[in-house]
Protein backbone atom coordinates (compact mmCIF):
# COMPACT_ATOMS: atom_id res chain seq x y z
CA MET A 1 49.68 35.74 -35.10
CA LYS A 2 50.86 32.13 -35.06
CA ILE A 3 53.53 31.00 -37.53
CA SER A 4 54.57 27.77 -35.92
CA PHE A 5 56.53 26.30 -38.82
CA LEU A 6 58.94 29.23 -39.23
CA PRO A 7 62.20 29.40 -37.31
CA PRO A 8 62.54 32.33 -34.86
CA ILE A 9 64.26 34.54 -37.44
CA GLY A 10 61.30 34.10 -39.79
CA VAL A 11 58.86 34.99 -37.06
CA ILE A 12 60.82 38.14 -36.31
CA LEU A 13 60.90 39.04 -40.01
CA LEU A 14 57.16 38.66 -40.56
CA ALA A 15 56.30 40.35 -37.30
CA SER A 16 58.45 43.37 -38.13
CA PHE A 17 56.89 43.70 -41.59
CA MET A 18 53.30 43.23 -40.46
CA GLY A 19 53.35 44.83 -37.05
CA CYS A 20 51.58 41.70 -35.75
CA THR A 21 48.19 43.42 -36.14
CA LYS A 22 47.31 44.60 -39.62
CA PRO A 23 46.87 41.85 -42.22
CA VAL A 24 48.32 42.18 -45.70
CA ASN A 25 45.49 42.47 -48.21
CA VAL A 26 46.09 40.93 -51.62
CA PHE A 27 44.03 40.86 -54.78
CA VAL A 28 44.45 37.77 -56.98
CA LEU A 29 43.77 38.02 -60.72
CA LEU A 30 42.69 34.82 -62.44
CA GLY A 31 41.52 33.60 -65.82
CA GLY A 32 42.43 31.89 -69.06
CA HIS A 33 43.77 28.66 -67.58
CA GLY A 34 42.27 25.82 -65.59
CA PHE A 35 43.71 25.04 -62.17
CA ASP A 36 42.90 23.13 -58.99
CA THR A 37 40.53 25.82 -57.82
CA THR A 38 39.51 24.57 -54.38
CA GLU A 39 43.07 23.76 -53.37
CA PHE A 40 44.37 27.09 -54.70
CA PHE A 41 41.91 29.11 -52.66
CA ASP A 42 42.51 26.89 -49.63
CA LEU A 43 46.21 27.70 -49.95
CA PHE A 44 45.67 31.44 -50.01
CA HIS A 45 43.16 31.35 -47.18
CA SER A 46 45.70 29.41 -45.09
CA LEU A 47 48.45 32.03 -45.43
CA GLU A 48 49.23 33.57 -42.04
CA GLY A 49 48.50 37.28 -41.72
CA ILE A 50 47.27 37.56 -45.31
CA GLU A 51 43.75 38.22 -46.55
CA MET A 52 42.75 37.83 -50.19
CA ASP A 53 40.06 38.77 -52.66
CA SER A 54 40.01 37.67 -56.28
CA ALA A 55 38.38 38.16 -59.65
CA TYR A 56 38.59 36.62 -63.10
CA TYR A 57 39.31 38.40 -66.36
CA PRO A 58 37.74 40.47 -67.87
CA GLU A 59 36.28 41.75 -64.59
CA ALA A 60 39.74 41.73 -62.98
CA MET A 61 41.14 44.00 -65.69
CA GLU A 62 38.25 46.42 -65.35
CA MET A 63 38.74 46.55 -61.59
CA MET A 64 42.39 47.52 -62.09
CA ARG A 65 41.44 50.03 -64.76
CA ASN A 66 38.80 51.66 -62.55
CA GLY A 67 41.00 51.87 -59.45
CA GLN A 68 39.06 49.24 -57.52
CA THR A 69 42.31 47.42 -56.67
CA ASP A 70 44.18 50.50 -55.46
CA ALA A 71 43.57 49.79 -51.77
CA TYR A 72 45.20 46.36 -51.87
CA ASP A 73 48.76 45.99 -50.61
CA VAL A 74 49.85 43.51 -53.30
CA LEU A 75 48.41 42.36 -56.63
CA VAL A 76 48.93 38.67 -57.42
CA PHE A 77 48.65 37.47 -61.03
CA TYR A 78 47.77 33.81 -61.60
CA ASP A 79 46.32 34.35 -65.04
CA TYR A 80 47.02 33.01 -68.50
CA MET A 81 46.01 35.76 -70.92
CA PRO A 82 48.39 35.71 -73.91
CA GLY A 83 45.96 37.59 -76.14
CA LEU A 84 45.45 40.73 -74.06
CA PRO A 85 44.84 43.74 -76.33
CA GLY A 86 47.48 46.44 -76.62
CA HIS A 87 45.41 49.14 -74.92
CA ASP A 88 45.53 47.16 -71.65
CA SER A 89 49.21 48.07 -71.40
CA THR A 90 48.14 51.41 -69.90
CA VAL A 91 46.73 49.58 -66.89
CA PHE A 92 50.11 47.98 -66.11
CA LEU A 93 51.98 51.20 -66.83
CA ASN A 94 49.76 53.02 -64.35
CA LEU A 95 50.30 50.32 -61.71
CA THR A 96 54.08 50.58 -61.95
CA ALA A 97 53.96 54.38 -62.01
CA GLU A 98 52.06 54.21 -58.71
CA GLY A 99 54.57 51.72 -57.27
CA LYS A 100 52.09 48.90 -56.66
CA PRO A 101 53.92 45.71 -55.55
CA LEU A 102 53.28 42.90 -58.05
CA LEU A 103 53.58 39.12 -57.71
CA PHE A 104 53.39 36.95 -60.83
CA LEU A 105 52.91 33.21 -60.45
CA HIS A 106 53.57 30.34 -62.83
CA HIS A 107 51.59 30.73 -66.09
CA ALA A 108 51.29 34.51 -65.69
CA LEU A 109 54.69 34.45 -67.44
CA CYS A 110 52.77 33.58 -70.64
CA SER A 111 50.38 36.54 -70.64
CA PHE A 112 50.36 39.61 -72.89
CA GLN A 113 52.46 38.13 -75.70
CA GLN A 114 52.06 41.15 -78.00
CA TRP A 115 53.35 43.82 -75.61
CA ASP A 116 57.12 43.89 -75.09
CA GLY A 117 56.65 46.03 -71.99
CA TYR A 118 55.10 43.07 -70.19
CA MET A 119 58.39 41.17 -70.38
CA THR A 120 60.29 44.26 -69.27
CA MET A 121 57.97 44.67 -66.28
CA LEU A 122 58.01 41.03 -65.22
CA GLY A 123 61.67 40.33 -65.99
CA GLY A 124 61.01 37.43 -68.34
CA LYS A 125 58.70 35.87 -70.90
CA TYR A 126 57.42 32.50 -72.02
CA VAL A 127 57.76 32.89 -75.80
CA MET A 128 54.96 31.37 -77.87
CA PRO A 129 55.20 30.51 -81.57
CA GLY A 130 53.77 33.00 -84.02
CA PRO A 131 54.45 35.18 -87.06
CA GLY A 132 57.95 36.64 -86.92
CA VAL A 133 58.96 34.59 -83.87
CA ASP A 134 62.28 32.77 -84.19
CA PRO A 135 61.52 29.03 -83.70
CA GLU A 136 64.68 28.68 -81.62
CA ALA A 137 63.36 31.31 -79.20
CA VAL A 138 60.08 29.47 -78.55
CA SER A 139 59.68 28.25 -74.97
CA ASP A 140 58.49 24.82 -73.88
CA TYR A 141 56.90 23.17 -70.84
CA ARG A 142 56.66 19.80 -69.17
CA HIS A 143 54.14 18.63 -66.59
CA ASP A 144 54.80 16.44 -63.58
CA ILE A 145 58.51 16.79 -63.02
CA ASP A 146 60.40 16.60 -59.77
CA MET A 147 62.64 19.61 -59.35
CA GLU A 148 65.37 20.22 -56.83
CA ILE A 149 65.19 23.92 -55.98
CA GLU A 150 68.28 25.81 -54.86
CA VAL A 151 67.69 28.88 -52.70
CA VAL A 152 70.23 31.24 -54.23
CA ASP A 153 70.29 33.92 -51.56
CA LYS A 154 69.31 32.58 -48.15
CA GLY A 155 69.78 36.04 -46.66
CA HIS A 156 67.12 37.71 -48.82
CA PRO A 157 63.98 38.63 -46.82
CA LEU A 158 61.85 36.55 -49.19
CA THR A 159 63.85 33.36 -48.60
CA LEU A 160 65.18 34.10 -45.13
CA GLY A 161 65.50 30.92 -43.09
CA MET A 162 64.67 28.65 -46.04
CA GLU A 163 66.70 25.69 -47.21
CA ASP A 164 66.88 24.04 -50.63
CA PHE A 165 63.81 21.91 -51.31
CA SER A 166 62.14 19.50 -53.73
CA ILE A 167 58.83 20.09 -55.50
CA HIS A 168 56.64 18.19 -57.97
CA ASP A 169 55.50 20.79 -60.48
CA GLU A 170 55.52 21.98 -64.10
CA GLY A 171 58.66 23.41 -65.64
CA TYR A 172 59.08 26.06 -68.32
CA SER A 173 62.21 25.90 -70.44
CA ASN A 174 63.93 28.21 -72.92
CA ILE A 175 62.27 31.28 -71.46
CA SER A 176 63.59 34.75 -72.21
CA LEU A 177 64.97 36.90 -69.39
CA THR A 178 65.78 40.57 -69.09
CA GLU A 179 68.97 42.00 -67.65
CA GLY A 180 69.12 43.28 -64.11
CA ILE A 181 66.86 40.73 -62.39
CA THR A 182 67.85 39.38 -58.99
CA PRO A 183 67.98 35.55 -58.90
CA LEU A 184 66.26 33.87 -55.96
CA LEU A 185 65.57 30.26 -56.95
CA LYS A 186 67.38 27.91 -59.33
CA THR A 187 67.05 24.34 -60.56
CA ASP A 188 69.21 22.00 -62.62
CA HIS A 189 66.28 20.06 -64.09
CA PRO A 190 66.70 19.73 -67.88
CA ASP A 191 63.02 20.52 -68.52
CA ALA A 192 63.01 23.82 -66.66
CA SER A 193 64.78 27.12 -66.94
CA PRO A 194 67.78 27.26 -64.60
CA LEU A 195 66.17 30.32 -62.99
CA VAL A 196 62.70 29.70 -61.54
CA GLY A 197 62.30 32.67 -59.22
CA TRP A 198 63.51 36.27 -59.27
CA THR A 199 62.77 39.85 -58.32
CA THR A 200 63.08 43.02 -60.36
CA THR A 201 61.86 46.58 -60.38
CA SER A 202 59.60 48.21 -62.94
CA ASN A 203 59.30 51.97 -62.68
CA ARG A 204 58.39 52.41 -58.99
CA SER A 205 57.11 48.86 -58.45
CA THR A 206 58.86 45.90 -56.89
CA VAL A 207 58.07 42.75 -58.87
CA LEU A 208 58.42 39.10 -57.86
CA TYR A 209 58.06 36.11 -60.19
CA LEU A 210 57.79 32.47 -59.06
CA MET A 211 57.61 29.84 -61.80
CA LEU A 212 56.34 27.27 -59.32
CA GLY A 213 52.66 26.62 -58.60
CA HIS A 214 50.96 24.58 -61.35
CA ASP A 215 48.55 22.47 -59.30
CA LYS A 216 47.58 21.12 -55.90
CA LEU A 217 50.75 19.08 -55.58
CA ALA A 218 52.69 22.34 -55.63
CA TYR A 219 50.15 24.19 -53.45
CA GLU A 220 50.54 21.50 -50.77
CA ASN A 221 54.32 21.85 -50.70
CA PRO A 222 55.26 23.60 -47.42
CA SER A 223 58.20 25.40 -49.04
CA TYR A 224 55.90 26.84 -51.71
CA LYS A 225 53.48 28.06 -49.08
CA ARG A 226 56.33 29.65 -47.20
CA LEU A 227 57.57 31.39 -50.36
CA LEU A 228 54.13 32.89 -50.86
CA GLU A 229 53.82 34.03 -47.25
CA GLN A 230 57.24 35.62 -47.02
CA GLY A 231 57.11 36.94 -50.58
CA ILE A 232 53.77 38.68 -50.14
CA VAL A 233 54.75 40.20 -46.79
CA TRP A 234 58.08 41.35 -48.24
CA LEU A 235 56.37 42.93 -51.25
CA ALA A 236 53.86 44.73 -49.06
CA ASP A 237 56.74 46.38 -47.21
CA GLN A 238 58.33 47.77 -50.39
């Protein structure tokens, strides 16, 4: 396994998690939002020691419901499905009861608007306008901003060996957060939430959320790639 861009401590970390032989198998769930498809898949196929399969909703949901994703080490959500029906909550409840490691990326924060348990599971929520929603609680977004990202805990396995970095991406602001999440990444950009990356636990599952990752300009950022590599390997070891 060659990880030439990581410092020695990062190599040791990934090697110890992966045993240098068995790849981490991830299943990526997609749908509901356009994205730079070719570049996204190129990114995931370039991750060292990680193999991926993917499916779009509604097939992706049925695969989770039928147990077809059980064998994967980590489930990665890069979907935008705010209108998911209430009965799909049982799928997520079963995943967390089993302790499946879950990674939510970027606009997955916006999914499942009608189920409060989704926010509890993920650790936060992008609040959309609607009946009974306080206008002051509604979240916002802005494309094409340059954010300075602070690595809050440089000793965490997910960010081990990383330094603060810059990224051109999309920011979400005025998001709602739950108590008890562990901050990993922060920014002081006025058009983004101060917290842009965190971990939490939901039932028996370890959950990671990264706000970053809107398009190819983010995918091509070496720090973003490193976050995905170390984050996925860390999750698989939980």
